[in-house]
Amino acid sequence: MAFQIDLKTFTDSRGNLTVIEKIVPFDIKRIFYIYGVNDAVRGGHRHHNTRQAAICLQGSCEIYNHDGNKEDTFLLNVPHNCLILEPKDWHQMYNFTSDAILMVLASEYFDAQDYIYEPYIK
């Protein structure tokens, strides 16, 4: 089941520094980011093996998630909030603001065979 974690952030007169260290529950093998999204829906899959951590560095977006039993929608709108997606989490990303930058940390290297596109039956 998907869940949110708050990333440690240090704030002072110089600004904010957010740290991703010893909190993501997997070793990071791949990093990608999504930006410049129009009104499109991204994602629409789950995985056999890959775990992911999604962080909206700028702007906001929503992530719909269905783990086979429970449906949730998560709003990512602050850069210290991180959504952990397990392999069984079928997800879609949408409602991107025009300035949104969604960074995703992944536990596995890209493998087309790892993707499952069929959604769960509601």
PDB file of N, CA and C in Angstrom:
ATOM      1  N   MET A   1       0.835  -1.170   0.000  1.00  0.00           N
ATOM      2  CA  MET A   1       0.000   0.000   0.000  1.00  0.00           C
ATOM      3  C   MET A   1       0.888   1.244   0.000  1.00  0.00           C
ATOM      4  N   ALA A   2       0.528   2.216  -0.791  1.00  0.00           N
ATOM      5  CA  ALA A   2       1.274   3.473  -0.870  1.00  0.00           C
ATOM      6  C   ALA A   2       1.174   4.214   0.457  1.00  0.00           C
ATOM      7  N   PHE A   3       2.244   4.921   0.801  1.00  0.00           N
ATOM      8  CA  PHE A   3       2.234   5.728   2.020  1.00  0.00           C
ATOM      9  C   PHE A   3       3.164   6.917   1.850  1.00  0.00           C
ATOM     10  N   GLN A   4       2.897   7.965   2.621  1.00  0.00           N
ATOM     11  CA  GLN A   4       3.685   9.186   2.540  1.00  0.00           C
ATOM     12  C   GLN A   4       4.668   9.275   3.698  1.00  0.00           C
ATOM     13  N   ILE A   5       5.833   9.835   3.407  1.00  0.00           N
ATOM     14  CA  ILE A   5       6.814  10.127   4.445  1.00  0.00           C
ATOM     15  C   ILE A   5       7.233  11.588   4.300  1.00  0.00           C
ATOM     16  N   ASP A   6       7.634  12.175   5.406  1.00  0.00           N
ATOM     17  CA  ASP A   6       8.095  13.554   5.406  1.00  0.00           C
ATOM     18  C   ASP A   6       9.619  13.534   5.417  1.00  0.00           C
ATOM     19  N   LEU A   7      10.215  14.189   4.443  1.00  0.00           N
ATOM     20  CA  LEU A   7      11.667  14.234   4.338  1.00  0.00           C
ATOM     21  C   LEU A   7      12.223  15.297   5.275  1.00  0.00           C
ATOM     22  N   LYS A   8      13.325  14.974   5.934  1.00  0.00           N
ATOM     23  CA  LYS A   8      13.938  15.903   6.881  1.00  0.00           C
ATOM     24  C   LYS A   8      14.367  17.171   6.134  1.00  0.00           C
ATOM     25  N   THR A   9      13.917  18.303   6.656  1.00  0.00           N
ATOM     26  CA  THR A   9      14.212  19.591   6.038  1.00  0.00           C
ATOM     27  C   THR A   9      14.778  20.536   7.084  1.00  0.00           C
ATOM     28  N   PHE A  10      15.862  21.185   6.716  1.00  0.00           N
ATOM     29  CA  PHE A  10      16.491  22.188   7.569  1.00  0.00           C
ATOM     30  C   PHE A  10      16.190  23.554   6.974  1.00  0.00           C
ATOM     31  N   THR A  11      15.672  24.449   7.798  1.00  0.00           N
ATOM     32  CA  THR A  11      15.298  25.780   7.340  1.00  0.00           C
ATOM     33  C   THR A  11      15.971  26.832   8.203  1.00  0.00           C
ATOM     34  N   ASP A  12      16.578  27.813   7.545  1.00  0.00           N
ATOM     35  CA  ASP A  12      17.119  28.968   8.257  1.00  0.00           C
ATOM     36  C   ASP A  12      17.018  30.175   7.336  1.00  0.00           C
ATOM     37  N   SER A  13      17.662  31.247   7.689  1.00  0.00           N
ATOM     38  CA  SER A  13      17.542  32.490   6.923  1.00  0.00           C
ATOM     39  C   SER A  13      18.053  32.358   5.492  1.00  0.00           C
ATOM     40  N   ARG A  14      18.846  31.331   5.208  1.00  0.00           N
ATOM     41  CA  ARG A  14      19.395  31.126   3.867  1.00  0.00           C
ATOM     42  C   ARG A  14      18.471  30.332   2.962  1.00  0.00           C
ATOM     43  N   GLY A  15      17.431  29.717   3.545  1.00  0.00           N
ATOM     44  CA  GLY A  15      16.510  28.916   2.761  1.00  0.00           C
ATOM     45  C   GLY A  15      16.310  27.538   3.351  1.00  0.00           C
ATOM     46  N   ASN A  16      15.941  26.594   2.503  1.00  0.00           N
ATOM     47  CA  ASN A  16      15.620  25.228   2.930  1.00  0.00           C
ATOM     48  C   ASN A  16      16.583  24.229   2.302  1.00  0.00           C
ATOM     49  N   LEU A  17      16.891  23.193   3.057  1.00  0.00           N
ATOM     50  CA  LEU A  17      17.705  22.089   2.560  1.00  0.00           C
ATOM     51  C   LEU A  17      16.994  20.807   2.974  1.00  0.00           C
ATOM     52  N   THR A  18      16.529  20.041   1.990  1.00  0.00           N
ATOM     53  CA  THR A  18      15.836  18.782   2.274  1.00  0.00           C
ATOM     54  C   THR A  18      16.773  17.631   1.949  1.00  0.00           C
ATOM     55  N   VAL A  19      16.805  16.662   2.865  1.00  0.00           N
ATOM     56  CA  VAL A  19      17.746  15.547   2.772  1.00  0.00           C
ATOM     57  C   VAL A  19      16.996  14.235   2.533  1.00  0.00           C
ATOM     58  N   ILE A  20      17.488  13.467   1.571  1.00  0.00           N
ATOM     59  CA  ILE A  20      16.971  12.112   1.340  1.00  0.00           C
ATOM     60  C   ILE A  20      18.111  11.176   1.728  1.00  0.00           C
ATOM     61  N   GLU A  21      18.051  10.692   2.955  1.00  0.00           N
ATOM     62  CA  GLU A  21      19.124   9.854   3.481  1.00  0.00           C
ATOM     63  C   GLU A  21      18.546   8.911   4.532  1.00  0.00           C
ATOM     64  N   LYS A  22      18.714   7.629   4.313  1.00  0.00           N
ATOM     65  CA  LYS A  22      18.287   6.594   5.265  1.00  0.00           C
ATOM     66  C   LYS A  22      16.793   6.615   5.552  1.00  0.00           C
ATOM     67  N   ILE A  23      15.995   7.121   4.630  1.00  0.00           N
ATOM     68  CA  ILE A  23      14.549   7.153   4.856  1.00  0.00           C
ATOM     69  C   ILE A  23      13.774   6.434   3.757  1.00  0.00           C
ATOM     70  N   VAL A  24      14.297   6.439   2.545  1.00  0.00           N
ATOM     71  CA  VAL A  24      13.651   5.713   1.453  1.00  0.00           C
ATOM     72  C   VAL A  24      13.911   4.227   1.694  1.00  0.00           C
ATOM     73  N   PRO A  25      12.861   3.401   1.731  1.00  0.00           N
ATOM     74  CA  PRO A  25      13.019   1.998   2.131  1.00  0.00           C
ATOM     75  C   PRO A  25      13.544   1.051   1.049  1.00  0.00           C
ATOM     76  N   PHE A  26      14.460   1.539   0.229  1.00  0.00           N
ATOM     77  CA  PHE A  26      15.077   0.685  -0.783  1.00  0.00           C
ATOM     78  C   PHE A  26      16.345   1.376  -1.288  1.00  0.00           C
ATOM     79  N   ASP A  27      17.208   0.605  -1.926  1.00  0.00           N
ATOM     80  CA  ASP A  27      18.387   1.170  -2.580  1.00  0.00           C
ATOM     81  C   ASP A  27      17.949   1.798  -3.892  1.00  0.00           C
ATOM     82  N   ILE A  28      18.453   2.981  -4.191  1.00  0.00           N
ATOM     83  CA  ILE A  28      18.061   3.721  -5.393  1.00  0.00           C
ATOM     84  C   ILE A  28      18.951   3.317  -6.561  1.00  0.00           C
ATOM     85  N   LYS A  29      18.329   2.834  -7.640  1.00  0.00           N
ATOM     86  CA  LYS A  29      19.064   2.451  -8.842  1.00  0.00           C
ATOM     87  C   LYS A  29      18.762   3.356 -10.031  1.00  0.00           C
ATOM     88  N   ARG A  30      17.666   4.113  -9.946  1.00  0.00           N
ATOM     89  CA  ARG A  30      17.252   4.933 -11.084  1.00  0.00           C
ATOM     90  C   ARG A  30      16.543   6.175 -10.565  1.00  0.00           C
ATOM     91  N   ILE A  31      16.798   7.306 -11.211  1.00  0.00           N
ATOM     92  CA  ILE A  31      16.122   8.554 -10.898  1.00  0.00           C
ATOM     93  C   ILE A  31      15.637   9.158 -12.204  1.00  0.00           C
ATOM     94  N   PHE A  32      14.377   9.567 -12.232  1.00  0.00           N
ATOM     95  CA  PHE A  32      13.866  10.285 -13.398  1.00  0.00           C
ATOM     96  C   PHE A  32      12.922  11.370 -12.910  1.00  0.00           C
ATOM     97  N   TYR A  33      12.660  12.337 -13.780  1.00  0.00           N
ATOM     98  CA  TYR A  33      11.696  13.361 -13.409  1.00  0.00           C
ATOM     99  C   TYR A  33      10.820  13.709 -14.587  1.00  0.00           C
ATOM    100  N   ILE A  34       9.599  14.121 -14.228  1.00  0.00           N
ATOM    101  CA  ILE A  34       8.556  14.428 -15.204  1.00  0.00           C
ATOM    102  C   ILE A  34       8.224  15.903 -15.070  1.00  0.00           C
ATOM    103  N   TYR A  35       8.189  16.612 -16.192  1.00  0.00           N
ATOM    104  CA  TYR A  35       7.861  18.040 -16.153  1.00  0.00           C
ATOM    105  C   TYR A  35       7.318  18.462 -17.509  1.00  0.00           C
ATOM    106  N   GLY A  36       6.766  19.664 -17.566  1.00  0.00           N
ATOM    107  CA  GLY A  36       6.200  20.148 -18.826  1.00  0.00           C
ATOM    108  C   GLY A  36       4.960  19.376 -19.231  1.00  0.00           C
ATOM    109  N   VAL A  37       4.237  18.842 -18.257  1.00  0.00           N
ATOM    110  CA  VAL A  37       3.062  18.028 -18.538  1.00  0.00           C
ATOM    111  C   VAL A  37       1.863  18.936 -18.794  1.00  0.00           C
ATOM    112  N   ASN A  38       1.129  18.655 -19.853  1.00  0.00           N
ATOM    113  CA  ASN A  38      -0.102  19.399 -20.124  1.00  0.00           C
ATOM    114  C   ASN A  38      -1.223  18.776 -19.301  1.00  0.00           C
ATOM    115  N   ASP A  39      -2.375  18.573 -19.834  1.00  0.00           N
ATOM    116  CA  ASP A  39      -3.470  17.964 -19.076  1.00  0.00           C
ATOM    117  C   ASP A  39      -3.469  16.434 -19.190  1.00  0.00           C
ATOM    118  N   ALA A  40      -2.355  15.878 -19.593  1.00  0.00           N
ATOM    119  CA  ALA A  40      -2.228  14.433 -19.763  1.00  0.00           C
ATOM    120  C   ALA A  40      -2.207  13.703 -18.418  1.00  0.00           C
ATOM    121  N   VAL A  41      -2.550  12.428 -18.480  1.00  0.00           N
ATOM    122  CA  VAL A  41      -2.428  11.530 -17.338  1.00  0.00           C
ATOM    123  C   VAL A  41      -1.198  10.663 -17.590  1.00  0.00           C
ATOM    124  N   ARG A  42      -0.312  10.621 -16.615  1.00  0.00           N
ATOM    125  CA  ARG A  42       0.914   9.821 -16.735  1.00  0.00           C
ATOM    126  C   ARG A  42       0.767   8.555 -15.898  1.00  0.00           C
ATOM    127  N   GLY A  43       1.687   7.630 -16.068  1.00  0.00           N
ATOM    128  CA  GLY A  43       1.652   6.394 -15.293  1.00  0.00           C
ATOM    129  C   GLY A  43       0.680   5.411 -15.920  1.00  0.00           C
ATOM    130  N   GLY A  44      -0.248   4.902 -15.105  1.00  0.00           N
ATOM    131  CA  GLY A  44      -1.203   3.909 -15.580  1.00  0.00           C
ATOM    132  C   GLY A  44      -0.595   2.522 -15.582  1.00  0.00           C
ATOM    133  N   HIS A  45       0.132   2.201 -14.516  1.00  0.00           N
ATOM    134  CA  HIS A  45       0.755   0.884 -14.420  1.00  0.00           C
ATOM    135  C   HIS A  45       1.130   0.579 -12.973  1.00  0.00           C
ATOM    136  N   ARG A  46       1.553  -0.657 -12.772  1.00  0.00           N
ATOM    137  CA  ARG A  46       2.189  -1.098 -11.536  1.00  0.00           C
ATOM    138  C   ARG A  46       3.400  -1.906 -11.967  1.00  0.00           C
ATOM    139  N   HIS A  47       4.050  -2.552 -11.043  1.00  0.00           N
ATOM    140  CA  HIS A  47       5.283  -3.262 -11.376  1.00  0.00           C
ATOM    141  C   HIS A  47       5.304  -4.663 -10.768  1.00  0.00           C
ATOM    142  N   HIS A  48       6.160  -5.477 -11.299  1.00  0.00           N
ATOM    143  CA  HIS A  48       6.438  -6.784 -10.693  1.00  0.00           C
ATOM    144  C   HIS A  48       7.392  -6.605  -9.514  1.00  0.00           C
ATOM    145  N   ASN A  49       8.413  -5.750  -9.688  1.00  0.00           N
ATOM    146  CA  ASN A  49       9.467  -5.635  -8.677  1.00  0.00           C
ATOM    147  C   ASN A  49       9.779  -4.224  -8.191  1.00  0.00           C
ATOM    148  N   THR A  50       9.574  -3.229  -9.014  1.00  0.00           N
ATOM    149  CA  THR A  50      10.060  -1.881  -8.717  1.00  0.00           C
ATOM    150  C   THR A  50       9.252  -1.178  -7.639  1.00  0.00           C
ATOM    151  N   ARG A  51       9.980  -0.637  -6.664  1.00  0.00           N
ATOM    152  CA  ARG A  51       9.415   0.266  -5.660  1.00  0.00           C
ATOM    153  C   ARG A  51       9.829   1.673  -6.076  1.00  0.00           C
ATOM    154  N   GLN A  52       8.989   2.666  -5.760  1.00  0.00           N
ATOM    155  CA  GLN A  52       9.274   4.031  -6.167  1.00  0.00           C
ATOM    156  C   GLN A  52       9.003   5.008  -5.037  1.00  0.00           C
ATOM    157  N   ALA A  53       9.703   6.136  -5.094  1.00  0.00           N
ATOM    158  CA  ALA A  53       9.479   7.254  -4.185  1.00  0.00           C
ATOM    159  C   ALA A  53       9.260   8.482  -5.056  1.00  0.00           C
ATOM    160  N   ALA A  54       8.081   9.097  -4.952  1.00  0.00           N
ATOM    161  CA  ALA A  54       7.723  10.245  -5.787  1.00  0.00           C
ATOM    162  C   ALA A  54       7.732  11.518  -4.949  1.00  0.00           C
ATOM    163  N   ILE A  55       8.411  12.543  -5.471  1.00  0.00           N
ATOM    164  CA  ILE A  55       8.530  13.825  -4.783  1.00  0.00           C
ATOM    165  C   ILE A  55       8.265  14.927  -5.802  1.00  0.00           C
ATOM    166  N   CYS A  56       7.293  15.780  -5.529  1.00  0.00           N
ATOM    167  CA  CYS A  56       7.034  16.904  -6.415  1.00  0.00           C
ATOM    168  C   CYS A  56       7.919  18.059  -5.952  1.00  0.00           C
ATOM    169  N   LEU A  57       9.009  18.272  -6.663  1.00  0.00           N
ATOM    170  CA  LEU A  57      10.004  19.271  -6.279  1.00  0.00           C
ATOM    171  C   LEU A  57       9.490  20.698  -6.430  1.00  0.00           C
ATOM    172  N   GLN A  58       8.591  20.883  -7.381  1.00  0.00           N
ATOM    173  CA  GLN A  58       8.037  22.214  -7.660  1.00  0.00           C
ATOM    174  C   GLN A  58       6.614  22.036  -8.156  1.00  0.00           C
ATOM    175  N   GLY A  59       5.747  22.984  -7.835  1.00  0.00           N
ATOM    176  CA  GLY A  59       4.362  22.884  -8.264  1.00  0.00           C
ATOM    177  C   GLY A  59       3.644  21.776  -7.525  1.00  0.00           C
ATOM    178  N   SER A  60       2.668  21.180  -8.201  1.00  0.00           N
ATOM    179  CA  SER A  60       1.914  20.100  -7.563  1.00  0.00           C
ATOM    180  C   SER A  60       1.354  19.142  -8.605  1.00  0.00           C
ATOM    181  N   CYS A  61       0.994  17.972  -8.132  1.00  0.00           N
ATOM    182  CA  CYS A  61       0.287  16.984  -8.927  1.00  0.00           C
ATOM    183  C   CYS A  61      -0.444  16.054  -7.977  1.00  0.00           C
ATOM    184  N   GLU A  62      -1.327  15.258  -8.536  1.00  0.00           N
ATOM    185  CA  GLU A  62      -2.044  14.263  -7.747  1.00  0.00           C
ATOM    186  C   GLU A  62      -1.667  12.879  -8.259  1.00  0.00           C
ATOM    187  N   ILE A  63      -1.665  11.922  -7.357  1.00  0.00           N
ATOM    188  CA  ILE A  63      -1.396  10.537  -7.732  1.00  0.00           C
ATOM    189  C   ILE A  63      -2.527   9.674  -7.203  1.00  0.00           C
ATOM    190  N   TYR A  64      -3.225   9.038  -8.150  1.00  0.00           N
ATOM    191  CA  TYR A  64      -4.259   8.060  -7.809  1.00  0.00           C
ATOM    192  C   TYR A  64      -3.554   6.724  -7.644  1.00  0.00           C
ATOM    193  N   ASN A  65      -3.940   5.975  -6.615  1.00  0.00           N
ATOM    194  CA  ASN A  65      -3.311   4.694  -6.348  1.00  0.00           C
ATOM    195  C   ASN A  65      -4.365   3.643  -6.006  1.00  0.00           C
ATOM    196  N   HIS A  66      -4.166   2.442  -6.538  1.00  0.00           N
ATOM    197  CA  HIS A  66      -5.032   1.302  -6.212  1.00  0.00           C
ATOM    198  C   HIS A  66      -4.095   0.116  -6.002  1.00  0.00           C
ATOM    199  N   ASP A  67      -4.173  -0.497  -4.812  1.00  0.00           N
ATOM    200  CA  ASP A  67      -3.264  -1.613  -4.513  1.00  0.00           C
ATOM    201  C   ASP A  67      -3.928  -2.978  -4.639  1.00  0.00           C
ATOM    202  N   GLY A  68      -5.107  -2.999  -5.255  1.00  0.00           N
ATOM    203  CA  GLY A  68      -5.836  -4.251  -5.395  1.00  0.00           C
ATOM    204  C   GLY A  68      -6.952  -4.371  -4.369  1.00  0.00           C
ATOM    205  N   ASN A  69      -6.828  -3.617  -3.275  1.00  0.00           N
ATOM    206  CA  ASN A  69      -7.852  -3.606  -2.233  1.00  0.00           C
ATOM    207  C   ASN A  69      -8.356  -2.204  -1.927  1.00  0.00           C
ATOM    208  N   LYS A  70      -7.450  -1.272  -1.855  1.00  0.00           N
ATOM    209  CA  LYS A  70      -7.778   0.082  -1.415  1.00  0.00           C
ATOM    210  C   LYS A  70      -7.380   1.106  -2.469  1.00  0.00           C
ATOM    211  N   GLU A  71      -8.236   2.122  -2.649  1.00  0.00           N
ATOM    212  CA  GLU A  71      -7.953   3.229  -3.552  1.00  0.00           C
ATOM    213  C   GLU A  71      -7.673   4.482  -2.732  1.00  0.00           C
ATOM    214  N   ASP A  72      -6.690   5.268  -3.167  1.00  0.00           N
ATOM    215  CA  ASP A  72      -6.349   6.526  -2.515  1.00  0.00           C
ATOM    216  C   ASP A  72      -5.940   7.533  -3.574  1.00  0.00           C
ATOM    217  N   THR A  73      -6.072   8.803  -3.239  1.00  0.00           N
ATOM    218  CA  THR A  73      -5.520   9.874  -4.051  1.00  0.00           C
ATOM    219  C   THR A  73      -4.636  10.717  -3.151  1.00  0.00           C
ATOM    220  N   PHE A  74      -3.425  10.964  -3.603  1.00  0.00           N
ATOM    221  CA  PHE A  74      -2.443  11.726  -2.842  1.00  0.00           C
ATOM    222  C   PHE A  74      -2.128  13.027  -3.571  1.00  0.00           C
ATOM    223  N   LEU A  75      -2.099  14.115  -2.837  1.00  0.00           N
ATOM    224  CA  LEU A  75      -1.687  15.406  -3.367  1.00  0.00           C
ATOM    225  C   LEU A  75      -0.229  15.617  -2.985  1.00  0.00           C
ATOM    226  N   LEU A  76       0.608  15.815  -3.992  1.00  0.00           N
ATOM    227  CA  LEU A  76       2.012  16.145  -3.737  1.00  0.00           C
ATOM    228  C   LEU A  76       2.192  17.612  -4.087  1.00  0.00           C
ATOM    229  N   ASN A  77       2.414  18.438  -3.082  1.00  0.00           N
ATOM    230  CA  ASN A  77       2.496  19.881  -3.327  1.00  0.00           C
ATOM    231  C   ASN A  77       3.557  20.594  -2.501  1.00  0.00           C
ATOM    232  N   VAL A  78       4.379  19.845  -1.799  1.00  0.00           N
ATOM    233  CA  VAL A  78       5.520  20.411  -1.075  1.00  0.00           C
ATOM    234  C   VAL A  78       6.724  19.499  -1.302  1.00  0.00           C
ATOM    235  N   PRO A  79       7.914  20.056  -1.482  1.00  0.00           N
ATOM    236  CA  PRO A  79       9.071  19.236  -1.846  1.00  0.00           C
ATOM    237  C   PRO A  79       9.652  18.384  -0.722  1.00  0.00           C
ATOM    238  N   HIS A  80       9.091  18.456   0.477  1.00  0.00           N
ATOM    239  CA  HIS A  80       9.570  17.596   1.555  1.00  0.00           C
ATOM    240  C   HIS A  80       8.614  16.427   1.813  1.00  0.00           C
ATOM    241  N   ASN A  81       7.598  16.292   0.962  1.00  0.00           N
ATOM    242  CA  ASN A  81       6.660  15.184   1.075  1.00  0.00           C
ATOM    243  C   ASN A  81       7.008  14.140   0.013  1.00  0.00           C
ATOM    244  N   CYS A  82       7.063  12.886   0.420  1.00  0.00           N
ATOM    245  CA  CYS A  82       7.481  11.805  -0.470  1.00  0.00           C
ATOM    246  C   CYS A  82       6.439  10.693  -0.419  1.00  0.00           C
ATOM    247  N   LEU A  83       5.992  10.248  -1.584  1.00  0.00           N
ATOM    248  CA  LEU A  83       5.036   9.146  -1.668  1.00  0.00           C
ATOM    249  C   LEU A  83       5.781   7.875  -2.056  1.00  0.00           C
ATOM    250  N   ILE A  84       5.691   6.862  -1.210  1.00  0.00           N
ATOM    251  CA  ILE A  84       6.305   5.562  -1.490  1.00  0.00           C
ATOM    252  C   ILE A  84       5.264   4.676  -2.167  1.00  0.00           C
ATOM    253  N   LEU A  85       5.620   4.156  -3.330  1.00  0.00           N
ATOM    254  CA  LEU A  85       4.752   3.262  -4.095  1.00  0.00           C
ATOM    255  C   LEU A  85       5.380   1.873  -4.130  1.00  0.00           C
ATOM    256  N   GLU A  86       4.621   0.891  -3.711  1.00  0.00           N
ATOM    257  CA  GLU A  86       5.075  -0.496  -3.731  1.00  0.00           C
ATOM    258  C   GLU A  86       4.809  -1.094  -5.119  1.00  0.00           C
ATOM    259  N   PRO A  87       5.439  -2.209  -5.463  1.00  0.00           N
ATOM    260  CA  PRO A  87       5.224  -2.795  -6.791  1.00  0.00           C
ATOM    261  C   PRO A  87       3.757  -3.039  -7.126  1.00  0.00           C
ATOM    262  N   LYS A  88       2.948  -3.435  -6.154  1.00  0.00           N
ATOM    263  CA  LYS A  88       1.537  -3.752  -6.414  1.00  0.00           C
ATOM    264  C   LYS A  88       0.664  -2.516  -6.600  1.00  0.00           C
ATOM    265  N   ASP A  89       1.213  -1.327  -6.396  1.00  0.00           N
ATOM    266  CA  ASP A  89       0.439  -0.086  -6.466  1.00  0.00           C
ATOM    267  C   ASP A  89       0.264   0.387  -7.913  1.00  0.00           C
ATOM    268  N   TRP A  90      -0.934   0.163  -8.464  1.00  0.00           N
ATOM    269  CA  TRP A  90      -1.268   0.676  -9.799  1.00  0.00           C
ATOM    270  C   TRP A  90      -1.560   2.157  -9.622  1.00  0.00           C
ATOM    271  N   HIS A  91      -0.850   3.000 -10.369  1.00  0.00           N
ATOM    272  CA  HIS A  91      -0.945   4.438 -10.123  1.00  0.00           C
ATOM    273  C   HIS A  91      -1.029   5.251 -11.413  1.00  0.00           C
ATOM    274  N   GLN A  92      -1.642   6.431 -11.268  1.00  0.00           N
ATOM    275  CA  GLN A  92      -1.723   7.417 -12.335  1.00  0.00           C
ATOM    276  C   GLN A  92      -1.396   8.776 -11.734  1.00  0.00           C
ATOM    277  N   MET A  93      -0.644   9.581 -12.473  1.00  0.00           N
ATOM    278  CA  MET A  93      -0.304  10.933 -12.046  1.00  0.00           C
ATOM    279  C   MET A  93      -1.039  11.914 -12.954  1.00  0.00           C
ATOM    280  N   TYR A  94      -1.639  12.938 -12.365  1.00  0.00           N
ATOM    281  CA  TYR A  94      -2.446  13.873 -13.147  1.00  0.00           C
ATOM    282  C   TYR A  94      -2.568  15.194 -12.394  1.00  0.00           C
ATOM    283  N   ASN A  95      -3.304  16.137 -12.995  1.00  0.00           N
ATOM    284  CA  ASN A  95      -3.483  17.481 -12.424  1.00  0.00           C
ATOM    285  C   ASN A  95      -2.143  18.149 -12.105  1.00  0.00           C
ATOM    286  N   PHE A  96      -1.222  18.032 -13.035  1.00  0.00           N
ATOM    287  CA  PHE A  96       0.076  18.700 -12.889  1.00  0.00           C
ATOM    288  C   PHE A  96      -0.119  20.207 -13.079  1.00  0.00           C
ATOM    289  N   THR A  97       0.445  21.000 -12.193  1.00  0.00           N
ATOM    290  CA  THR A  97       0.476  22.433 -12.450  1.00  0.00           C
ATOM    291  C   THR A  97       1.503  22.680 -13.549  1.00  0.00           C
ATOM    292  N   SER A  98       1.410  23.823 -14.203  1.00  0.00           N
ATOM    293  CA  SER A  98       2.286  24.089 -15.347  1.00  0.00           C
ATOM    294  C   SER A  98       3.763  24.114 -14.962  1.00  0.00           C
ATOM    295  N   ASP A  99       4.066  24.388 -13.693  1.00  0.00           N
ATOM    296  CA  ASP A  99       5.455  24.448 -13.239  1.00  0.00           C
ATOM    297  C   ASP A  99       5.905  23.182 -12.514  1.00  0.00           C
ATOM    298  N   ALA A 100       5.081  22.147 -12.501  1.00  0.00           N
ATOM    299  CA  ALA A 100       5.371  20.943 -11.719  1.00  0.00           C
ATOM    300  C   ALA A 100       6.599  20.200 -12.229  1.00  0.00           C
ATOM    301  N   ILE A 101       7.395  19.747 -11.266  1.00  0.00           N
ATOM    302  CA  ILE A 101       8.516  18.846 -11.537  1.00  0.00           C
ATOM    303  C   ILE A 101       8.367  17.690 -10.553  1.00  0.00           C
ATOM    304  N   LEU A 102       8.049  16.503 -11.062  1.00  0.00           N
ATOM    305  CA  LEU A 102       7.874  15.314 -10.242  1.00  0.00           C
ATOM    306  C   LEU A 102       9.102  14.432 -10.407  1.00  0.00           C
ATOM    307  N   MET A 103       9.863  14.268  -9.328  1.00  0.00           N
ATOM    308  CA  MET A 103      11.039  13.408  -9.356  1.00  0.00           C
ATOM    309  C   MET A 103      10.666  12.054  -8.753  1.00  0.00           C
ATOM    310  N   VAL A 104      11.149  10.978  -9.404  1.00  0.00           N
ATOM    311  CA  VAL A 104      10.862   9.627  -8.939  1.00  0.00           C
ATOM    312  C   VAL A 104      12.175   8.874  -8.756  1.00  0.00           C
ATOM    313  N   LEU A 105      12.332   8.296  -7.574  1.00  0.00           N
ATOM    314  CA  LEU A 105      13.468   7.434  -7.255  1.00  0.00           C
ATOM    315  C   LEU A 105      12.970   6.001  -7.372  1.00  0.00           C
ATOM    316  N   ALA A 106      13.702   5.146  -8.051  1.00  0.00           N
ATOM    317  CA  ALA A 106      13.249   3.771  -8.285  1.00  0.00           C
ATOM    318  C   ALA A 106      14.256   2.757  -7.769  1.00  0.00           C
ATOM    319  N   SER A 107      13.733   1.636  -7.307  1.00  0.00           N
ATOM    320  CA  SER A 107      14.576   0.575  -6.739  1.00  0.00           C
ATOM    321  C   SER A 107      15.225  -0.308  -7.798  1.00  0.00           C
ATOM    322  N   GLU A 108      14.769  -0.203  -9.041  1.00  0.00           N
ATOM    323  CA  GLU A 108      15.280  -1.060 -10.114  1.00  0.00           C
ATOM    324  C   GLU A 108      15.616  -0.223 -11.339  1.00  0.00           C
ATOM    325  N   TYR A 109      16.515  -0.732 -12.161  1.00  0.00           N
ATOM    326  CA  TYR A 109      16.787  -0.116 -13.450  1.00  0.00           C
ATOM    327  C   TYR A 109      15.580  -0.341 -14.361  1.00  0.00           C
ATOM    328  N   PHE A 110      15.440   0.455 -15.397  1.00  0.00           N
ATOM    329  CA  PHE A 110      14.310   0.285 -16.310  1.00  0.00           C
ATOM    330  C   PHE A 110      14.334  -1.104 -16.939  1.00  0.00           C
ATOM    331  N   ASP A 111      13.162  -1.735 -16.938  1.00  0.00           N
ATOM    332  CA  ASP A 111      12.967  -3.036 -17.571  1.00  0.00           C
ATOM    333  C   ASP A 111      11.510  -3.081 -18.036  1.00  0.00           C
ATOM    334  N   ALA A 112      11.287  -3.057 -19.336  1.00  0.00           N
ATOM    335  CA  ALA A 112       9.924  -3.043 -19.877  1.00  0.00           C
ATOM    336  C   ALA A 112       9.105  -4.232 -19.387  1.00  0.00           C
ATOM    337  N   GLN A 113       9.755  -5.352 -19.082  1.00  0.00           N
ATOM    338  CA  GLN A 113       9.053  -6.548 -18.611  1.00  0.00           C
ATOM    339  C   GLN A 113       8.542  -6.408 -17.181  1.00  0.00           C
ATOM    340  N   ASP A 114       8.994  -5.377 -16.472  1.00  0.00           N
ATOM    341  CA  ASP A 114       8.584  -5.157 -15.079  1.00  0.00           C
ATOM    342  C   ASP A 114       7.227  -4.450 -14.982  1.00  0.00           C
ATOM    343  N   TYR A 115       6.746  -3.895 -16.081  1.00  0.00           N
ATOM    344  CA  TYR A 115       5.523  -3.090 -16.071  1.00  0.00           C
ATOM    345  C   TYR A 115       4.275  -3.956 -16.259  1.00  0.00           C
ATOM    346  N   ILE A 116       3.234  -3.656 -15.488  1.00  0.00           N
ATOM    347  CA  ILE A 116       1.914  -4.297 -15.606  1.00  0.00           C
ATOM    348  C   ILE A 116       0.929  -3.155 -15.862  1.00  0.00           C
ATOM    349  N   TYR A 117       0.325  -3.128 -17.029  1.00  0.00           N
ATOM    350  CA  TYR A 117      -0.529  -1.994 -17.418  1.00  0.00           C
ATOM    351  C   TYR A 117      -2.005  -2.204 -17.073  1.00  0.00           C
ATOM    352  N   GLU A 118      -2.432  -3.432 -16.841  1.00  0.00           N
ATOM    353  CA  GLU A 118      -3.832  -3.675 -16.568  1.00  0.00           C
ATOM    354  C   GLU A 118      -4.171  -3.195 -15.156  1.00  0.00           C
ATOM    355  N   PRO A 119      -5.192  -2.318 -15.049  1.00  0.00           N
ATOM    356  CA  PRO A 119      -5.605  -1.869 -13.713  1.00  0.00           C
ATOM    357  C   PRO A 119      -6.354  -2.983 -12.988  1.00  0.00           C
ATOM    358  N   TYR A 120      -6.433  -2.833 -11.672  1.00  0.00           N
ATOM    359  CA  TYR A 120      -7.249  -3.762 -10.891  1.00  0.00           C
ATOM    360  C   TYR A 120      -8.718  -3.517 -11.224  1.00  0.00           C
ATOM    361  N   ILE A 121      -9.519  -4.544 -11.123  1.00  0.00           N
ATOM    362  CA  ILE A 121     -10.961  -4.414 -11.325  1.00  0.00           C
ATOM    363  C   ILE A 121     -11.560  -3.897 -10.027  1.00  0.00           C
ATOM    364  N   LYS A 122     -12.320  -2.823 -10.146  1.00  0.00           N
ATOM    365  CA  LYS A 122     -12.914  -2.206  -8.954  1.00  0.00           C
ATOM    366  C   LYS A 122     -14.114  -2.965  -8.474  1.00  0.00           C
TER     367      LYS A 122
END
